[in-house]
């Protein structure tokens, strides 16, 4: 009786011994399959991305055939009297790799008292020439001109890029911009006022800037 009663548990243990390895093999197979599945991979890549800044470069010819970063004494005159006038041209050359906006402004001023700068008025026009424009304005364009200043006293000429008038868009590459500067020594309107200006001097610097 005791042997018969013990047979069912023994049979169960036998089944467990048979089934356990099979379950283990199945689990191992699942692990292998999952591991193989996880090993599948694909990528795409984009390399060598570079950002390089462009350059803005300006020179002027001071009314001559030679371009330079700085020129001097292009405009003006000596021993002047009210009514005296003069006209001078120069060419500004942009050779940058980036486009920008070009403007002319007064960057320095040394004036007298009373102010001679208040009586020296400038009218400035700008145009795109076919080639270099020299001091005598030969080749200065006659159409498509931009007014930079009209009868503007040297003493109150715009003195920064932000306040400059007649700004011009400039493309990348080599671009020429010609400027015609007409200056006039205007009277104060009175003989005493004009007489007070005898021997006086005003000196100004002008800058062309591209941003």
C-alpha atoms as a PDB file:
ATOM      1  CA  UNK A   1       0.000   0.000   0.000  1.00  0.00           C
ATOM      2  CA  UNK A   2       2.768   2.400   0.811  1.00  0.00           C
ATOM      3  CA  UNK A   3       4.544   1.645  -2.444  1.00  0.00           C
ATOM      4  CA  UNK A   4       1.375   2.233  -4.448  1.00  0.00           C
ATOM      5  CA  UNK A   5       0.727   5.496  -2.668  1.00  0.00           C
ATOM      6  CA  UNK A   6       4.210   6.776  -3.418  1.00  0.00           C
ATOM      7  CA  UNK A   7       3.999   6.151  -7.130  1.00  0.00           C
ATOM      8  CA  UNK A   8       2.182   9.382  -8.142  1.00  0.00           C
ATOM      9  CA  UNK A   9       4.729  11.691  -6.460  1.00  0.00           C
ATOM     10  CA  UNK A  10       7.512   9.677  -7.996  1.00  0.00           C
ATOM     11  CA  UNK A  11       5.897  10.021 -11.419  1.00  0.00           C
ATOM     12  CA  UNK A  12       5.648  13.785 -10.922  1.00  0.00           C
ATOM     13  CA  UNK A  13       9.296  14.002 -10.018  1.00  0.00           C
ATOM     14  CA  UNK A  14      10.127  11.998 -13.119  1.00  0.00           C
ATOM     15  CA  UNK A  15       8.134  14.377 -15.277  1.00  0.00           C
ATOM     16  CA  UNK A  16       9.841  17.349 -13.681  1.00  0.00           C
ATOM     17  CA  UNK A  17      13.245  15.839 -14.456  1.00  0.00           C
ATOM     18  CA  UNK A  18      12.197  15.399 -18.073  1.00  0.00           C
ATOM     19  CA  UNK A  19      10.513  18.797 -18.520  1.00  0.00           C
ATOM     20  CA  UNK A  20      13.053  20.971 -16.658  1.00  0.00           C
ATOM     21  CA  UNK A  21      15.903  20.451 -19.130  1.00  0.00           C
ATOM     22  CA  UNK A  22      13.547  21.126 -22.043  1.00  0.00           C
ATOM     23  CA  UNK A  23      12.381  24.345 -20.449  1.00  0.00           C
ATOM     24  CA  UNK A  24      15.979  25.313 -19.809  1.00  0.00           C
ATOM     25  CA  UNK A  25      16.916  24.653 -23.414  1.00  0.00           C
ATOM     26  CA  UNK A  26      13.923  26.704 -24.594  1.00  0.00           C
ATOM     27  CA  UNK A  27      14.879  29.599 -22.336  1.00  0.00           C
ATOM     28  CA  UNK A  28      18.472  29.420 -23.520  1.00  0.00           C
ATOM     29  CA  UNK A  29      17.268  29.433 -27.109  1.00  0.00           C
ATOM     30  CA  UNK A  30      15.168  32.495 -26.456  1.00  0.00           C
ATOM     31  CA  UNK A  31      18.150  34.233 -24.908  1.00  0.00           C
ATOM     32  CA  UNK A  32      20.318  33.383 -27.916  1.00  0.00           C
ATOM     33  CA  UNK A  33      17.624  34.609 -30.300  1.00  0.00           C
ATOM     34  CA  UNK A  34      17.143  37.823 -28.360  1.00  0.00           C
ATOM     35  CA  UNK A  35      20.906  38.358 -28.223  1.00  0.00           C
ATOM     36  CA  UNK A  36      21.216  37.840 -31.947  1.00  0.00           C
ATOM     37  CA  UNK A  37      18.341  40.222 -32.591  1.00  0.00           C
ATOM     38  CA  UNK A  38      19.926  42.929 -30.397  1.00  0.00           C
ATOM     39  CA  UNK A  39      23.184  42.677 -32.369  1.00  0.00           C
ATOM     40  CA  UNK A  40      21.561  43.972 -35.561  1.00  0.00           C
ATOM     41  CA  UNK A  41      22.579  47.640 -36.080  1.00  0.00           C
ATOM     42  CA  UNK A  42      22.694  50.300 -38.778  1.00  0.00           C
ATOM     43  CA  UNK A  43      24.079  53.860 -38.748  1.00  0.00           C
ATOM     44  CA  UNK A  44      24.496  56.834 -41.046  1.00  0.00           C
ATOM     45  CA  UNK A  45      26.983  59.645 -40.508  1.00  0.00           C
ATOM     46  CA  UNK A  46      27.633  63.180 -41.776  1.00  0.00           C
ATOM     47  CA  UNK A  47      31.198  64.361 -41.156  1.00  0.00           C
ATOM     48  CA  UNK A  48      33.402  67.359 -41.826  1.00  0.00           C
ATOM     49  CA  UNK A  49      30.835  70.074 -41.137  1.00  0.00           C
ATOM     50  CA  UNK A  50      32.766  73.369 -41.022  1.00  0.00           C
ATOM     51  CA  UNK A  51      31.813  76.979 -40.424  1.00  0.00           C
ATOM     52  CA  UNK A  52      34.224  79.620 -41.767  1.00  0.00           C
ATOM     53  CA  UNK A  53      33.777  83.362 -41.288  1.00  0.00           C
ATOM     54  CA  UNK A  54      33.841  85.603 -44.342  1.00  0.00           C
ATOM     55  CA  UNK A  55      35.916  88.758 -44.580  1.00  0.00           C
ATOM     56  CA  UNK A  56      35.162  92.428 -45.195  1.00  0.00           C
ATOM     57  CA  UNK A  57      38.024  94.366 -46.813  1.00  0.00           C
ATOM     58  CA  UNK A  58      38.079  98.019 -47.925  1.00  0.00           C
ATOM     59  CA  UNK A  59      40.759 100.150 -49.562  1.00  0.00           C
ATOM     60  CA  UNK A  60      40.615 103.516 -51.330  1.00  0.00           C
ATOM     61  CA  UNK A  61      42.716 105.100 -54.053  1.00  0.00           C
ATOM     62  CA  UNK A  62      42.678 108.644 -52.660  1.00  0.00           C
ATOM     63  CA  UNK A  63      42.062 109.853 -56.195  1.00  0.00           C
ATOM     64  CA  UNK A  64      45.227 108.190 -57.494  1.00  0.00           C
ATOM     65  CA  UNK A  65      46.001 104.871 -59.187  1.00  0.00           C
ATOM     66  CA  UNK A  66      47.193 103.213 -55.981  1.00  0.00           C
ATOM     67  CA  UNK A  67      44.861 101.617 -53.460  1.00  0.00           C
ATOM     68  CA  UNK A  68      45.661 101.638 -49.775  1.00  0.00           C
ATOM     69  CA  UNK A  69      44.000 101.006 -46.425  1.00  0.00           C
ATOM     70  CA  UNK A  70      44.647 104.672 -45.557  1.00  0.00           C
ATOM     71  CA  UNK A  71      45.196 107.791 -47.670  1.00  0.00           C
ATOM     72  CA  UNK A  72      45.497 111.454 -46.686  1.00  0.00           C
ATOM     73  CA  UNK A  73      44.890 115.009 -47.810  1.00  0.00           C
ATOM     74  CA  UNK A  74      42.511 114.105 -50.643  1.00  0.00           C
ATOM     75  CA  UNK A  75      40.127 117.002 -50.035  1.00  0.00           C
ATOM     76  CA  UNK A  76      40.652 120.616 -49.035  1.00  0.00           C
ATOM     77  CA  UNK A  77      42.564 123.739 -49.998  1.00  0.00           C
ATOM     78  CA  UNK A  78      44.697 126.576 -48.653  1.00  0.00           C
ATOM     79  CA  UNK A  79      44.418 130.370 -48.556  1.00  0.00           C
ATOM     80  CA  UNK A  80      40.676 130.144 -49.062  1.00  0.00           C
ATOM     81  CA  UNK A  81      38.104 132.919 -49.029  1.00  0.00           C
ATOM     82  CA  UNK A  82      34.314 132.660 -48.739  1.00  0.00           C
ATOM     83  CA  UNK A  83      32.951 131.440 -52.060  1.00  0.00           C
ATOM     84  CA  UNK A  84      35.898 129.118 -52.764  1.00  0.00           C
ATOM     85  CA  UNK A  85      34.931 125.632 -53.927  1.00  0.00           C
ATOM     86  CA  UNK A  86      36.545 122.442 -55.103  1.00  0.00           C
ATOM     87  CA  UNK A  87      35.627 118.971 -56.374  1.00  0.00           C
ATOM     88  CA  UNK A  88      37.565 115.762 -55.808  1.00  0.00           C
ATOM     89  CA  UNK A  89      36.747 112.105 -56.451  1.00  0.00           C
ATOM     90  CA  UNK A  90      38.087 108.861 -55.095  1.00  0.00           C
ATOM     91  CA  UNK A  91      37.221 105.187 -55.419  1.00  0.00           C
ATOM     92  CA  UNK A  92      36.596 102.780 -52.593  1.00  0.00           C
ATOM     93  CA  UNK A  93      37.222  99.115 -53.369  1.00  0.00           C
ATOM     94  CA  UNK A  94      35.595  96.242 -51.505  1.00  0.00           C
ATOM     95  CA  UNK A  95      37.302  92.863 -51.914  1.00  0.00           C
ATOM     96  CA  UNK A  96      35.710  90.876 -49.108  1.00  0.00           C
ATOM     97  CA  UNK A  97      34.260  87.393 -49.328  1.00  0.00           C
ATOM     98  CA  UNK A  98      31.066  88.523 -47.595  1.00  0.00           C
ATOM     99  CA  UNK A  99      28.434  91.040 -48.596  1.00  0.00           C
ATOM    100  CA  UNK A 100      27.754  94.083 -46.447  1.00  0.00           C
ATOM    101  CA  UNK A 101      26.553  97.660 -46.221  1.00  0.00           C
ATOM    102  CA  UNK A 102      28.947 100.515 -46.993  1.00  0.00           C
ATOM    103  CA  UNK A 103      28.781 103.956 -45.383  1.00  0.00           C
ATOM    104  CA  UNK A 104      30.896 107.109 -45.243  1.00  0.00           C
ATOM    105  CA  UNK A 105      31.226 109.178 -42.074  1.00  0.00           C
ATOM    106  CA  UNK A 106      33.521 111.721 -40.429  1.00  0.00           C
ATOM    107  CA  UNK A 107      35.834 109.945 -38.022  1.00  0.00           C
ATOM    108  CA  UNK A 108      37.895 112.851 -36.653  1.00  0.00           C
ATOM    109  CA  UNK A 109      37.630 116.621 -36.421  1.00  0.00           C
ATOM    110  CA  UNK A 110      39.952 119.393 -35.293  1.00  0.00           C
ATOM    111  CA  UNK A 111      38.108 122.673 -35.659  1.00  0.00           C
ATOM    112  CA  UNK A 112      38.890 126.296 -34.884  1.00  0.00           C
ATOM    113  CA  UNK A 113      37.065 128.889 -32.828  1.00  0.00           C
ATOM    114  CA  UNK A 114      35.127 130.434 -34.337  1.00  0.00           C
ATOM    115  CA  UNK A 115      34.319 127.323 -36.341  1.00  0.00           C
ATOM    116  CA  UNK A 116      35.631 127.202 -39.875  1.00  0.00           C
ATOM    117  CA  UNK A 117      34.122 123.709 -40.083  1.00  0.00           C
ATOM    118  CA  UNK A 118      30.661 125.209 -39.869  1.00  0.00           C
ATOM    119  CA  UNK A 119      31.348 127.183 -43.068  1.00  0.00           C
ATOM    120  CA  UNK A 120      32.939 124.378 -45.119  1.00  0.00           C
ATOM    121  CA  UNK A 121      29.986 122.521 -46.591  1.00  0.00           C
ATOM    122  CA  UNK A 122      30.189 119.165 -48.335  1.00  0.00           C
ATOM    123  CA  UNK A 123      27.979 117.665 -51.016  1.00  0.00           C
ATOM    124  CA  UNK A 124      28.837 114.013 -51.563  1.00  0.00           C
ATOM    125  CA  UNK A 125      27.455 111.683 -54.214  1.00  0.00           C
ATOM    126  CA  UNK A 126      28.241 108.026 -54.744  1.00  0.00           C
ATOM    127  CA  UNK A 127      28.015 105.783 -57.777  1.00  0.00           C
ATOM    128  CA  UNK A 128      29.233 102.495 -59.196  1.00  0.00           C
ATOM    129  CA  UNK A 129      31.981 103.154 -61.762  1.00  0.00           C
ATOM    130  CA  UNK A 130      33.127 100.875 -64.571  1.00  0.00           C
ATOM    131  CA  UNK A 131      36.712 101.370 -63.473  1.00  0.00           C
ATOM    132  CA  UNK A 132      38.824 103.405 -61.034  1.00  0.00           C
ATOM    133  CA  UNK A 133      37.805 107.053 -60.789  1.00  0.00           C
ATOM    134  CA  UNK A 134      40.660 109.488 -60.308  1.00  0.00           C
ATOM    135  CA  UNK A 135      40.843 112.768 -58.409  1.00  0.00           C
ATOM    136  CA  UNK A 136      39.649 114.854 -61.370  1.00  0.00           C
ATOM    137  CA  UNK A 137      36.467 112.700 -61.464  1.00  0.00           C
ATOM    138  CA  UNK A 138      37.106 111.327 -64.941  1.00  0.00           C
ATOM    139  CA  UNK A 139      34.918 108.254 -65.275  1.00  0.00           C
ATOM    140  CA  UNK A 140      32.590 109.162 -62.438  1.00  0.00           C
ATOM    141  CA  UNK A 141      29.168 107.657 -63.259  1.00  0.00           C
ATOM    142  CA  UNK A 142      26.338 109.933 -64.337  1.00  0.00           C
ATOM    143  CA  UNK A 143      23.431 107.643 -63.461  1.00  0.00           C
ATOM    144  CA  UNK A 144      22.361 105.532 -60.518  1.00  0.00           C
ATOM    145  CA  UNK A 145      23.887 107.927 -57.994  1.00  0.00           C
ATOM    146  CA  UNK A 146      23.269 107.939 -54.242  1.00  0.00           C
ATOM    147  CA  UNK A 147      23.238 111.171 -52.250  1.00  0.00           C
ATOM    148  CA  UNK A 148      25.485 110.839 -49.217  1.00  0.00           C
ATOM    149  CA  UNK A 149      25.318 114.476 -48.079  1.00  0.00           C
ATOM    150  CA  UNK A 150      23.977 117.782 -49.379  1.00  0.00           C
ATOM    151  CA  UNK A 151      25.523 121.069 -48.208  1.00  0.00           C
ATOM    152  CA  UNK A 152      26.543 119.384 -44.971  1.00  0.00           C
ATOM    153  CA  UNK A 153      28.960 121.392 -42.792  1.00  0.00           C
ATOM    154  CA  UNK A 154      32.116 119.495 -41.915  1.00  0.00           C
ATOM    155  CA  UNK A 155      31.497 120.285 -38.258  1.00  0.00           C
ATOM    156  CA  UNK A 156      28.155 118.445 -38.258  1.00  0.00           C
ATOM    157  CA  UNK A 157      28.898 115.726 -40.790  1.00  0.00           C
ATOM    158  CA  UNK A 158      27.652 112.300 -39.550  1.00  0.00           C
ATOM    159  CA  UNK A 159      30.336 110.906 -37.269  1.00  0.00           C
ATOM    160  CA  UNK A 160      29.485 107.208 -37.002  1.00  0.00           C
ATOM    161  CA  UNK A 161      28.285 104.298 -39.101  1.00  0.00           C
ATOM    162  CA  UNK A 162      24.967 104.375 -37.263  1.00  0.00           C
ATOM    163  CA  UNK A 163      24.269 108.001 -38.216  1.00  0.00           C
ATOM    164  CA  UNK A 164      25.692 107.871 -41.752  1.00  0.00           C
ATOM    165  CA  UNK A 165      23.387 108.653 -44.659  1.00  0.00           C
ATOM    166  CA  UNK A 166      23.475 107.205 -48.150  1.00  0.00           C
ATOM    167  CA  UNK A 167      24.393 103.681 -47.049  1.00  0.00           C
ATOM    168  CA  UNK A 168      24.927 101.261 -49.925  1.00  0.00           C
ATOM    169  CA  UNK A 169      24.564  97.457 -50.107  1.00  0.00           C
ATOM    170  CA  UNK A 170      27.761  95.844 -51.402  1.00  0.00           C
ATOM    171  CA  UNK A 171      27.989  92.324 -52.803  1.00  0.00           C
ATOM    172  CA  UNK A 172      30.765  89.864 -52.058  1.00  0.00           C
ATOM    173  CA  UNK A 173      33.800  89.914 -54.342  1.00  0.00           C
ATOM    174  CA  UNK A 174      35.477  92.942 -55.930  1.00  0.00           C
ATOM    175  CA  UNK A 175      33.156  95.951 -55.973  1.00  0.00           C
ATOM    176  CA  UNK A 176      34.059  99.577 -56.773  1.00  0.00           C
ATOM    177  CA  UNK A 177      32.203 102.538 -55.284  1.00  0.00           C
ATOM    178  CA  UNK A 178      33.138 106.038 -56.468  1.00  0.00           C
ATOM    179  CA  UNK A 179      32.627 109.160 -54.348  1.00  0.00           C
ATOM    180  CA  UNK A 180      32.478 112.752 -55.581  1.00  0.00           C
ATOM    181  CA  UNK A 181      33.080 115.320 -52.846  1.00  0.00           C
ATOM    182  CA  UNK A 182      32.252 118.957 -53.585  1.00  0.00           C
ATOM    183  CA  UNK A 183      33.267 121.390 -50.848  1.00  0.00           C
ATOM    184  CA  UNK A 184      32.313 125.064 -50.605  1.00  0.00           C
ATOM    185  CA  UNK A 185      33.473 127.773 -48.217  1.00  0.00           C
ATOM    186  CA  UNK A 186      30.191 129.560 -47.528  1.00  0.00           C
ATOM    187  CA  UNK A 187      29.936 133.000 -46.064  1.00  0.00           C
ATOM    188  CA  UNK A 188      28.660 133.618 -42.559  1.00  0.00           C
ATOM    189  CA  UNK A 189      26.494 136.330 -44.020  1.00  0.00           C
ATOM    190  CA  UNK A 190      28.334 139.205 -42.383  1.00  0.00           C
ATOM    191  CA  UNK A 191      31.669 140.882 -42.976  1.00  0.00           C
ATOM    192  CA  UNK A 192      32.681 140.673 -39.276  1.00  0.00           C
ATOM    193  CA  UNK A 193      31.748 136.997 -39.227  1.00  0.00           C
ATOM    194  CA  UNK A 194      33.811 136.198 -42.305  1.00  0.00           C
ATOM    195  CA  UNK A 195      36.722 138.318 -41.094  1.00  0.00           C
ATOM    196  CA  UNK A 196      36.794 136.373 -37.831  1.00  0.00           C
ATOM    197  CA  UNK A 197      37.579 133.247 -39.855  1.00  0.00           C
ATOM    198  CA  UNK A 198      40.774 134.607 -41.399  1.00  0.00           C
ATOM    199  CA  UNK A 199      43.698 132.278 -40.735  1.00  0.00           C
ATOM    200  CA  UNK A 200      41.477 129.585 -39.215  1.00  0.00           C
ATOM    201  CA  UNK A 201      41.832 125.889 -40.041  1.00  0.00           C
ATOM    202  CA  UNK A 202      39.638 122.824 -39.854  1.00  0.00           C
ATOM    203  CA  UNK A 203      40.966 119.310 -40.371  1.00  0.00           C
ATOM    204  CA  UNK A 204      38.748 116.261 -40.758  1.00  0.00           C
ATOM    205  CA  UNK A 205      39.168 112.553 -41.403  1.00  0.00           C
ATOM    206  CA  UNK A 206      36.594 110.482 -43.247  1.00  0.00           C
ATOM    207  CA  UNK A 207      36.057 106.774 -42.910  1.00  0.00           C
ATOM    208  CA  UNK A 208      34.334 104.324 -45.215  1.00  0.00           C
ATOM    209  CA  UNK A 209      33.071 101.321 -43.302  1.00  0.00           C
ATOM    210  CA  UNK A 210      31.363  98.139 -44.385  1.00  0.00           C
ATOM    211  CA  UNK A 211      29.329  96.010 -42.008  1.00  0.00           C
END
